Amino acid sequence: MKSAIRFATLALILVIVAMVSALATMQLAIHGQEVEVPPLVGLAPPEAERAISGLGLQISIERQFYSPSIPEGRIMSQLPLPGTKVRRGWQVRVARSLGPTRVAIPDVAGQSEHAAELNIRRRGLDVASMAVVESPGIPADQVLAQSPTANATQVLAPKISLLVTTAAEPPAFVMPSFAGQTLGSVSRTLQDEGFRLGNVSVVPPSAAPDDGGNNAPAPVPAPTQTPVAAPAQPSPSSVIVSQVPAPGQKVASGTAVNFEVR
């Protein structure tokens, strides 16, 4: 009985030792396949390929970008980064430099916003941003400045920012009250201040006053063939009763002001 127990214990110990040995062997095998990614930035693709082929890695050129600092044809970025541990057979992705921007930056100063944008995009460039500014003496919707400037070189990103002129807002005034003034004097004031005299209408006369409290109906006069009086016409001495725009409103120069007079 005791010999059987000793045999079983010995067999269990042998199994555990075998499992630990196998696990250690697997760890050594896995770590033995890992290599450290070398730095590739600045190398030509053939040089980079030779640098990693001995480590069992592969290289893949996936993109190309303009760069003012990395010469054309050289590697400008890589993934994984240098020093990263990867397994053999891993693919290192790189981007190759196109060198400085070769597209000439066009001169769009003085062009309209639409024409400048078409000119920029026709050359394979793009508009980065656009700002507007009021500039007295310069027509609206005209490119006043650009960045980068025309024919610039060593441009990192082929995008152009534009400064475009915009129309100036007309000056605003607060409409005063002309009530109680004569039409002639107000007309001269409007002309001097840059406004226009609009429509002028005469307020119809008010109804006749009552008979002082006598409730007896007034006698109805016999109909006569009296001619209809012509409507009253405004004159320079007419007194202003109301106006449009009303006092206190904001108006622009050249606004027409309408009046009712009596």
C-alpha atoms as a PDB file:
ATOM      1  CA  MET A   1       0.000   0.000   0.000  1.00  0.00           C
ATOM      2  CA  LYS A   2       2.771   2.409   0.981  1.00  0.00           C
ATOM      3  CA  SER A   3       4.704   1.593  -2.192  1.00  0.00           C
ATOM      4  CA  ALA A   4       1.638   2.431  -4.289  1.00  0.00           C
ATOM      5  CA  ILE A   5       1.281   5.819  -2.579  1.00  0.00           C
ATOM      6  CA  ARG A   6       4.961   6.568  -3.101  1.00  0.00           C
ATOM      7  CA  PHE A   7       4.646   5.619  -6.764  1.00  0.00           C
ATOM      8  CA  ALA A   8       1.612   7.893  -7.248  1.00  0.00           C
ATOM      9  CA  THR A   9       3.364  10.780  -5.523  1.00  0.00           C
ATOM     10  CA  LEU A  10       6.458  10.312  -7.682  1.00  0.00           C
ATOM     11  CA  ALA A  11       4.349  10.232 -10.835  1.00  0.00           C
ATOM     12  CA  LEU A  12       2.559  13.474  -9.829  1.00  0.00           C
ATOM     13  CA  ILE A  13       5.892  15.173  -9.179  1.00  0.00           C
ATOM     14  CA  LEU A  14       7.163  14.069 -12.582  1.00  0.00           C
ATOM     15  CA  VAL A  15       4.009  15.473 -14.299  1.00  0.00           C
ATOM     16  CA  ILE A  16       4.369  18.865 -12.542  1.00  0.00           C
ATOM     17  CA  VAL A  17       8.054  19.051 -13.489  1.00  0.00           C
ATOM     18  CA  ALA A  18       7.193  18.257 -17.099  1.00  0.00           C
ATOM     19  CA  MET A  19       4.507  20.975 -17.199  1.00  0.00           C
ATOM     20  CA  VAL A  20       6.824  23.597 -15.712  1.00  0.00           C
ATOM     21  CA  SER A  21       9.544  22.620 -18.165  1.00  0.00           C
ATOM     22  CA  ALA A  22       7.149  22.853 -21.104  1.00  0.00           C
ATOM     23  CA  LEU A  23       5.903  26.266 -19.969  1.00  0.00           C
ATOM     24  CA  ALA A  24       9.452  27.559 -19.583  1.00  0.00           C
ATOM     25  CA  THR A  25      10.326  26.213 -23.035  1.00  0.00           C
ATOM     26  CA  MET A  26       7.306  28.030 -24.537  1.00  0.00           C
ATOM     27  CA  GLN A  27       8.243  31.293 -22.844  1.00  0.00           C
ATOM     28  CA  LEU A  28      11.784  31.034 -24.128  1.00  0.00           C
ATOM     29  CA  ALA A  29      10.531  30.253 -27.614  1.00  0.00           C
ATOM     30  CA  ILE A  30       8.116  33.220 -27.614  1.00  0.00           C
ATOM     31  CA  HIS A  31      10.636  35.689 -26.274  1.00  0.00           C
ATOM     32  CA  GLY A  32      13.246  34.286 -28.548  1.00  0.00           C
ATOM     33  CA  GLN A  33      11.087  35.402 -31.537  1.00  0.00           C
ATOM     34  CA  GLU A  34      10.844  39.043 -30.331  1.00  0.00           C
ATOM     35  CA  VAL A  35      13.074  41.726 -31.844  1.00  0.00           C
ATOM     36  CA  GLU A  36      13.449  45.472 -31.283  1.00  0.00           C
ATOM     37  CA  VAL A  37      12.305  47.795 -34.087  1.00  0.00           C
ATOM     38  CA  PRO A  38      15.264  49.917 -35.259  1.00  0.00           C
ATOM     39  CA  PRO A  39      15.010  53.639 -36.159  1.00  0.00           C
ATOM     40  CA  LEU A  40      14.211  54.110 -39.850  1.00  0.00           C
ATOM     41  CA  VAL A  41      13.439  57.854 -40.147  1.00  0.00           C
ATOM     42  CA  GLY A  42      15.863  59.557 -42.530  1.00  0.00           C
ATOM     43  CA  LEU A  43      16.833  56.349 -44.341  1.00  0.00           C
ATOM     44  CA  ALA A  44      16.088  55.594 -47.966  1.00  0.00           C
ATOM     45  CA  PRO A  45      13.667  52.660 -48.414  1.00  0.00           C
ATOM     46  CA  PRO A  46      16.416  50.226 -49.598  1.00  0.00           C
ATOM     47  CA  GLU A  47      18.531  51.152 -46.569  1.00  0.00           C
ATOM     48  CA  ALA A  48      15.576  50.660 -44.239  1.00  0.00           C
ATOM     49  CA  GLU A  49      14.769  47.313 -45.820  1.00  0.00           C
ATOM     50  CA  ARG A  50      18.328  46.084 -45.273  1.00  0.00           C
ATOM     51  CA  ALA A  51      18.202  47.324 -41.657  1.00  0.00           C
ATOM     52  CA  ILE A  52      15.167  45.265 -40.748  1.00  0.00           C
ATOM     53  CA  SER A  53      15.523  42.229 -43.020  1.00  0.00           C
ATOM     54  CA  GLY A  54      18.154  40.741 -40.745  1.00  0.00           C
ATOM     55  CA  LEU A  55      15.707  41.016 -37.845  1.00  0.00           C
ATOM     56  CA  GLY A  56      13.020  39.091 -39.667  1.00  0.00           C
ATOM     57  CA  LEU A  57      10.791  42.183 -40.104  1.00  0.00           C
ATOM     58  CA  GLN A  58       9.077  43.577 -43.191  1.00  0.00           C
ATOM     59  CA  ILE A  59       8.622  47.157 -44.408  1.00  0.00           C
ATOM     60  CA  SER A  60       5.520  48.667 -46.005  1.00  0.00           C
ATOM     61  CA  ILE A  61       5.446  52.178 -47.529  1.00  0.00           C
ATOM     62  CA  GLU A  62       1.842  53.277 -47.040  1.00  0.00           C
ATOM     63  CA  ARG A  63       1.775  57.071 -47.462  1.00  0.00           C
ATOM     64  CA  GLN A  64       3.691  60.055 -48.817  1.00  0.00           C
ATOM     65  CA  PHE A  65       3.707  63.588 -47.412  1.00  0.00           C
ATOM     66  CA  TYR A  66       5.385  66.922 -48.121  1.00  0.00           C
ATOM     67  CA  SER A  67       8.145  67.777 -45.652  1.00  0.00           C
ATOM     68  CA  PRO A  68      10.433  70.828 -45.459  1.00  0.00           C
ATOM     69  CA  SER A  69      12.990  68.955 -43.337  1.00  0.00           C
ATOM     70  CA  ILE A  70      13.132  65.362 -44.663  1.00  0.00           C
ATOM     71  CA  PRO A  71      14.661  65.053 -48.176  1.00  0.00           C
ATOM     72  CA  GLU A  72      12.534  63.607 -50.929  1.00  0.00           C
ATOM     73  CA  GLY A  73      12.421  59.802 -50.983  1.00  0.00           C
ATOM     74  CA  ARG A  74      13.538  59.397 -47.360  1.00  0.00           C
ATOM     75  CA  ILE A  75      11.412  57.870 -44.613  1.00  0.00           C
ATOM     76  CA  MET A  76       9.751  60.562 -42.479  1.00  0.00           C
ATOM     77  CA  SER A  77       7.744  58.453 -39.982  1.00  0.00           C
ATOM     78  CA  GLN A  78       7.345  54.849 -38.890  1.00  0.00           C
ATOM     79  CA  LEU A  79       4.997  52.651 -36.893  1.00  0.00           C
ATOM     80  CA  PRO A  80       5.803  50.880 -34.544  1.00  0.00           C
ATOM     81  CA  LEU A  81       8.161  53.448 -33.096  1.00  0.00           C
ATOM     82  CA  PRO A  82      11.891  52.705 -32.658  1.00  0.00           C
ATOM     83  CA  GLY A  83      12.621  50.538 -29.617  1.00  0.00           C
ATOM     84  CA  THR A  84       9.261  48.734 -29.690  1.00  0.00           C
ATOM     85  CA  LYS A  85       9.551  44.947 -29.284  1.00  0.00           C
ATOM     86  CA  VAL A  86       7.630  42.934 -31.868  1.00  0.00           C
ATOM     87  CA  ARG A  87       7.606  39.379 -33.101  1.00  0.00           C
ATOM     88  CA  ARG A  88       9.616  38.316 -36.105  1.00  0.00           C
ATOM     89  CA  GLY A  89       7.672  38.710 -39.334  1.00  0.00           C
ATOM     90  CA  TRP A  90       6.013  41.913 -38.072  1.00  0.00           C
ATOM     91  CA  GLN A  91       5.315  44.585 -40.689  1.00  0.00           C
ATOM     92  CA  VAL A  92       6.726  48.071 -40.052  1.00  0.00           C
ATOM     93  CA  ARG A  93       4.617  50.757 -41.759  1.00  0.00           C
ATOM     94  CA  VAL A  94       6.423  53.869 -42.940  1.00  0.00           C
ATOM     95  CA  ALA A  95       5.634  57.165 -44.732  1.00  0.00           C
ATOM     96  CA  ARG A  96       7.968  58.537 -47.394  1.00  0.00           C
ATOM     97  CA  SER A  97       8.778  62.228 -47.816  1.00  0.00           C
ATOM     98  CA  LEU A  98       7.891  64.105 -50.987  1.00  0.00           C
ATOM     99  CA  GLY A  99      10.303  66.863 -50.029  1.00  0.00           C
ATOM    100  CA  PRO A 100       9.318  70.546 -49.932  1.00  0.00           C
ATOM    101  CA  THR A 101       6.086  71.579 -51.617  1.00  0.00           C
ATOM    102  CA  ARG A 102       6.679  71.841 -55.336  1.00  0.00           C
ATOM    103  CA  VAL A 103       3.346  73.442 -56.226  1.00  0.00           C
ATOM    104  CA  ALA A 104       3.824  77.180 -56.728  1.00  0.00           C
ATOM    105  CA  ILE A 105       1.694  79.282 -54.403  1.00  0.00           C
ATOM    106  CA  PRO A 106      -0.460  81.443 -56.714  1.00  0.00           C
ATOM    107  CA  ASP A 107      -0.852  85.195 -56.327  1.00  0.00           C
ATOM    108  CA  VAL A 108      -4.584  85.734 -55.691  1.00  0.00           C
ATOM    109  CA  ALA A 109      -4.397  89.266 -54.240  1.00  0.00           C
ATOM    110  CA  GLY A 110      -6.955  91.514 -55.905  1.00  0.00           C
ATOM    111  CA  GLN A 111      -9.142  88.612 -57.056  1.00  0.00           C
ATOM    112  CA  SER A 112     -12.661  87.972 -55.836  1.00  0.00           C
ATOM    113  CA  GLU A 113     -13.182  85.353 -53.147  1.00  0.00           C
ATOM    114  CA  HIS A 114     -14.726  82.899 -55.628  1.00  0.00           C
ATOM    115  CA  ALA A 115     -12.032  83.404 -58.285  1.00  0.00           C
ATOM    116  CA  ALA A 116      -9.236  83.051 -55.708  1.00  0.00           C
ATOM    117  CA  GLU A 117     -10.691  79.811 -54.352  1.00  0.00           C
ATOM    118  CA  LEU A 118     -10.991  78.346 -57.860  1.00  0.00           C
ATOM    119  CA  ASN A 119      -7.411  79.363 -58.637  1.00  0.00           C
ATOM    120  CA  ILE A 120      -6.144  77.735 -55.441  1.00  0.00           C
ATOM    121  CA  ARG A 121      -8.035  74.458 -55.842  1.00  0.00           C
ATOM    122  CA  ARG A 122      -7.080  74.189 -59.530  1.00  0.00           C
ATOM    123  CA  ARG A 123      -3.453  73.830 -58.421  1.00  0.00           C
ATOM    124  CA  GLY A 124      -4.259  71.009 -55.996  1.00  0.00           C
ATOM    125  CA  LEU A 125      -4.089  73.296 -52.953  1.00  0.00           C
ATOM    126  CA  ASP A 126      -6.736  74.096 -50.380  1.00  0.00           C
ATOM    127  CA  VAL A 127      -8.103  77.107 -48.488  1.00  0.00           C
ATOM    128  CA  ALA A 128      -7.095  76.866 -44.825  1.00  0.00           C
ATOM    129  CA  SER A 129      -9.123  79.784 -43.443  1.00  0.00           C
ATOM    130  CA  MET A 130     -10.779  83.004 -44.560  1.00  0.00           C
ATOM    131  CA  ALA A 131     -11.154  86.271 -42.641  1.00  0.00           C
ATOM    132  CA  VAL A 132     -13.006  89.446 -43.638  1.00  0.00           C
ATOM    133  CA  VAL A 133     -12.128  93.067 -42.962  1.00  0.00           C
ATOM    134  CA  GLU A 134     -13.570  96.465 -43.855  1.00  0.00           C
ATOM    135  CA  SER A 135     -11.152  98.519 -45.950  1.00  0.00           C
ATOM    136  CA  PRO A 136     -12.215 102.024 -47.052  1.00  0.00           C
ATOM    137  CA  GLY A 137     -11.521 102.718 -50.704  1.00  0.00           C
ATOM    138  CA  ILE A 138     -11.266  99.027 -51.696  1.00  0.00           C
ATOM    139  CA  PRO A 139     -14.262  97.218 -53.255  1.00  0.00           C
ATOM    140  CA  ALA A 140     -15.942  94.466 -51.261  1.00  0.00           C
ATOM    141  CA  ASP A 141     -15.292  90.763 -51.979  1.00  0.00           C
ATOM    142  CA  GLN A 142     -11.644  91.265 -52.921  1.00  0.00           C
ATOM    143  CA  VAL A 143      -8.615  89.356 -51.599  1.00  0.00           C
ATOM    144  CA  LEU A 144      -6.512  91.838 -49.666  1.00  0.00           C
ATOM    145  CA  ALA A 145      -3.752  89.486 -48.436  1.00  0.00           C
ATOM    146  CA  GLN A 146      -2.793  85.806 -48.372  1.00  0.00           C
ATOM    147  CA  SER A 147      -0.615  83.464 -46.340  1.00  0.00           C
ATOM    148  CA  PRO A 148       1.675  81.887 -47.535  1.00  0.00           C
ATOM    149  CA  THR A 149       2.585  84.698 -49.891  1.00  0.00           C
ATOM    150  CA  ALA A 150       2.776  84.207 -53.639  1.00  0.00           C
ATOM    151  CA  ASN A 151       5.578  81.902 -54.853  1.00  0.00           C
ATOM    152  CA  ALA A 152       6.489  80.886 -51.287  1.00  0.00           C
ATOM    153  CA  THR A 153       8.637  77.759 -50.839  1.00  0.00           C
ATOM    154  CA  GLN A 154       9.306  75.311 -48.009  1.00  0.00           C
ATOM    155  CA  VAL A 155       5.577  75.157 -47.164  1.00  0.00           C
ATOM    156  CA  LEU A 156       4.740  72.406 -44.691  1.00  0.00           C
ATOM    157  CA  ALA A 157       1.016  72.169 -45.494  1.00  0.00           C
ATOM    158  CA  PRO A 158      -0.167  73.266 -48.957  1.00  0.00           C
ATOM    159  CA  LYS A 159      -3.051  75.387 -47.649  1.00  0.00           C
ATOM    160  CA  ILE A 160      -3.615  79.109 -48.123  1.00  0.00           C
ATOM    161  CA  SER A 161      -5.344  81.541 -45.758  1.00  0.00           C
ATOM    162  CA  LEU A 162      -7.122  84.555 -47.271  1.00  0.00           C
ATOM    163  CA  LEU A 163      -8.059  88.024 -46.023  1.00  0.00           C
ATOM    164  CA  VAL A 164     -11.084  89.311 -47.966  1.00  0.00           C
ATOM    165  CA  THR A 165     -12.620  92.785 -47.893  1.00  0.00           C
ATOM    166  CA  THR A 166     -16.265  93.268 -46.979  1.00  0.00           C
ATOM    167  CA  ALA A 167     -18.690  96.135 -47.492  1.00  0.00           C
ATOM    168  CA  ALA A 168     -18.716  98.705 -44.708  1.00  0.00           C
ATOM    169  CA  GLU A 169     -21.895  98.974 -42.694  1.00  0.00           C
ATOM    170  CA  PRO A 170     -23.746 102.234 -43.477  1.00  0.00           C
ATOM    171  CA  PRO A 171     -23.729 104.728 -40.582  1.00  0.00           C
ATOM    172  CA  ALA A 172     -26.894 104.639 -38.461  1.00  0.00           C
ATOM    173  CA  PHE A 173     -28.705 107.664 -37.000  1.00  0.00           C
ATOM    174  CA  VAL A 174     -31.446 108.077 -34.414  1.00  0.00           C
ATOM    175  CA  MET A 175     -34.532 109.681 -35.926  1.00  0.00           C
ATOM    176  CA  PRO A 176     -35.470 112.924 -34.099  1.00  0.00           C
ATOM    177  CA  SER A 177     -39.016 114.200 -33.554  1.00  0.00           C
ATOM    178  CA  PHE A 178     -40.255 116.793 -36.048  1.00  0.00           C
ATOM    179  CA  ALA A 179     -43.757 117.186 -34.580  1.00  0.00           C
ATOM    180  CA  GLY A 180     -44.872 120.805 -34.317  1.00  0.00           C
ATOM    181  CA  GLN A 181     -42.337 122.096 -36.836  1.00  0.00           C
ATOM    182  CA  THR A 182     -43.208 123.508 -40.234  1.00  0.00           C
ATOM    183  CA  LEU A 183     -42.781 121.363 -43.297  1.00  0.00           C
ATOM    184  CA  GLY A 184     -40.519 123.903 -45.008  1.00  0.00           C
ATOM    185  CA  SER A 185     -37.907 124.038 -42.247  1.00  0.00           C
ATOM    186  CA  VAL A 186     -37.936 120.256 -41.774  1.00  0.00           C
ATOM    187  CA  SER A 187     -37.450 119.701 -45.521  1.00  0.00           C
ATOM    188  CA  ARG A 188     -34.297 121.817 -45.463  1.00  0.00           C
ATOM    189  CA  THR A 189     -33.016 119.969 -42.369  1.00  0.00           C
ATOM    190  CA  LEU A 190     -33.551 116.560 -44.014  1.00  0.00           C
ATOM    191  CA  GLN A 191     -31.719 117.654 -47.150  1.00  0.00           C
ATOM    192  CA  ASP A 192     -28.761 119.019 -45.163  1.00  0.00           C
ATOM    193  CA  GLU A 193     -28.455 115.781 -43.145  1.00  0.00           C
ATOM    194  CA  GLY A 194     -28.597 113.434 -46.135  1.00  0.00           C
ATOM    195  CA  PHE A 195     -32.212 112.228 -45.796  1.00  0.00           C
ATOM    196  CA  ARG A 196     -35.080 112.422 -48.268  1.00  0.00           C
ATOM    197  CA  LEU A 197     -38.564 113.882 -47.962  1.00  0.00           C
ATOM    198  CA  GLY A 198     -41.070 111.119 -48.558  1.00  0.00           C
ATOM    199  CA  ASN A 199     -44.846 111.250 -48.860  1.00  0.00           C
ATOM    200  CA  VAL A 200     -46.635 114.208 -47.249  1.00  0.00           C
ATOM    201  CA  SER A 201     -50.387 113.969 -46.566  1.00  0.00           C
ATOM    202  CA  VAL A 202     -52.807 116.425 -44.960  1.00  0.00           C
ATOM    203  CA  VAL A 203     -54.744 115.290 -41.889  1.00  0.00           C
ATOM    204  CA  PRO A 204     -58.500 115.653 -42.580  1.00  0.00           C
ATOM    205  CA  PRO A 205     -60.214 118.402 -40.479  1.00  0.00           C
ATOM    206  CA  SER A 206     -61.828 117.304 -37.227  1.00  0.00           C
ATOM    207  CA  ALA A 207     -65.636 117.102 -36.886  1.00  0.00           C
ATOM    208  CA  ALA A 208     -67.491 120.350 -36.103  1.00  0.00           C
ATOM    209  CA  PRO A 209     -68.122 121.026 -32.347  1.00  0.00           C
ATOM    210  CA  ASP A 210     -71.522 120.233 -30.796  1.00  0.00           C
ATOM    211  CA  ASP A 211     -74.249 122.862 -30.059  1.00  0.00           C
ATOM    212  CA  GLY A 212     -73.455 123.330 -26.369  1.00  0.00           C
ATOM    213  CA  GLY A 213     -75.792 120.691 -24.970  1.00  0.00           C
ATOM    214  CA  ASN A 214     -79.004 121.451 -26.888  1.00  0.00           C
ATOM    215  CA  ASN A 215     -80.480 118.069 -27.692  1.00  0.00           C
ATOM    216  CA  ALA A 216     -82.953 119.363 -30.207  1.00  0.00           C
ATOM    217  CA  PRO A 217     -82.146 118.090 -33.620  1.00  0.00           C
ATOM    218  CA  ALA A 218     -80.750 120.695 -35.912  1.00  0.00           C
ATOM    219  CA  PRO A 219     -82.802 121.531 -38.934  1.00  0.00           C
ATOM    220  CA  VAL A 220     -81.788 119.682 -42.019  1.00  0.00           C
ATOM    221  CA  PRO A 221     -80.861 122.164 -44.723  1.00  0.00           C
ATOM    222  CA  ALA A 222     -82.309 121.657 -48.101  1.00  0.00           C
ATOM    223  CA  PRO A 223     -79.981 119.971 -50.520  1.00  0.00           C
ATOM    224  CA  THR A 224     -78.059 122.263 -52.727  1.00  0.00           C
ATOM    225  CA  GLN A 225     -75.802 121.724 -55.663  1.00  0.00           C
ATOM    226  CA  THR A 226     -72.638 123.002 -53.913  1.00  0.00           C
ATOM    227  CA  PRO A 227     -69.380 121.951 -55.590  1.00  0.00           C
ATOM    228  CA  VAL A 228     -67.094 119.499 -53.776  1.00  0.00           C
ATOM    229  CA  ALA A 229     -64.053 121.304 -52.319  1.00  0.00           C
ATOM    230  CA  ALA A 230     -60.676 120.140 -53.540  1.00  0.00           C
ATOM    231  CA  PRO A 231     -58.537 118.365 -50.899  1.00  0.00           C
ATOM    232  CA  ALA A 232     -56.131 120.598 -49.060  1.00  0.00           C
ATOM    233  CA  GLN A 233     -52.536 120.542 -50.242  1.00  0.00           C
ATOM    234  CA  PRO A 234     -49.455 120.673 -47.971  1.00  0.00           C
ATOM    235  CA  SER A 235     -47.433 123.856 -48.033  1.00  0.00           C
ATOM    236  CA  PRO A 236     -44.141 124.948 -46.469  1.00  0.00           C
ATOM    237  CA  SER A 237     -46.126 126.489 -43.618  1.00  0.00           C
ATOM    238  CA  SER A 238     -47.986 123.258 -42.841  1.00  0.00           C
ATOM    239  CA  VAL A 239     -47.332 121.954 -39.318  1.00  0.00           C
ATOM    240  CA  ILE A 240     -46.142 118.369 -38.898  1.00  0.00           C
ATOM    241  CA  VAL A 241     -48.450 116.127 -36.859  1.00  0.00           C
ATOM    242  CA  SER A 242     -46.787 112.689 -37.224  1.00  0.00           C
ATOM    243  CA  GLN A 243     -43.900 111.035 -39.017  1.00  0.00           C
ATOM    244  CA  VAL A 244     -42.605 107.666 -40.271  1.00  0.00           C
ATOM    245  CA  PRO A 245     -40.010 106.444 -39.219  1.00  0.00           C
ATOM    246  CA  ALA A 246     -41.076 107.312 -35.691  1.00  0.00           C
ATOM    247  CA  PRO A 247     -38.781 109.298 -33.366  1.00  0.00           C
ATOM    248  CA  GLY A 248     -36.100 107.177 -31.699  1.00  0.00           C
ATOM    249  CA  GLN A 249     -35.799 104.608 -34.503  1.00  0.00           C
ATOM    250  CA  LYS A 250     -32.384 103.878 -36.051  1.00  0.00           C
ATOM    251  CA  VAL A 251     -32.202 104.834 -39.724  1.00  0.00           C
ATOM    252  CA  ALA A 252     -29.513 104.920 -42.407  1.00  0.00           C
ATOM    253  CA  SER A 253     -28.442 107.899 -44.463  1.00  0.00           C
ATOM    254  CA  GLY A 254     -30.723 108.483 -47.448  1.00  0.00           C
ATOM    255  CA  THR A 255     -33.855 107.154 -45.710  1.00  0.00           C
ATOM    256  CA  ALA A 256     -37.130 108.750 -46.862  1.00  0.00           C
ATOM    257  CA  VAL A 257     -39.219 110.337 -44.067  1.00  0.00           C
ATOM    258  CA  ASN A 258     -43.015 110.512 -44.492  1.00  0.00           C
ATOM    259  CA  PHE A 259     -45.167 113.147 -42.754  1.00  0.00           C
ATOM    260  CA  GLU A 260     -48.756 113.974 -41.918  1.00  0.00           C
ATOM    261  CA  VAL A 261     -49.398 117.716 -41.657  1.00  0.00           C
ATOM    262  CA  ARG A 262     -52.276 120.088 -40.955  1.00  0.00           C
END
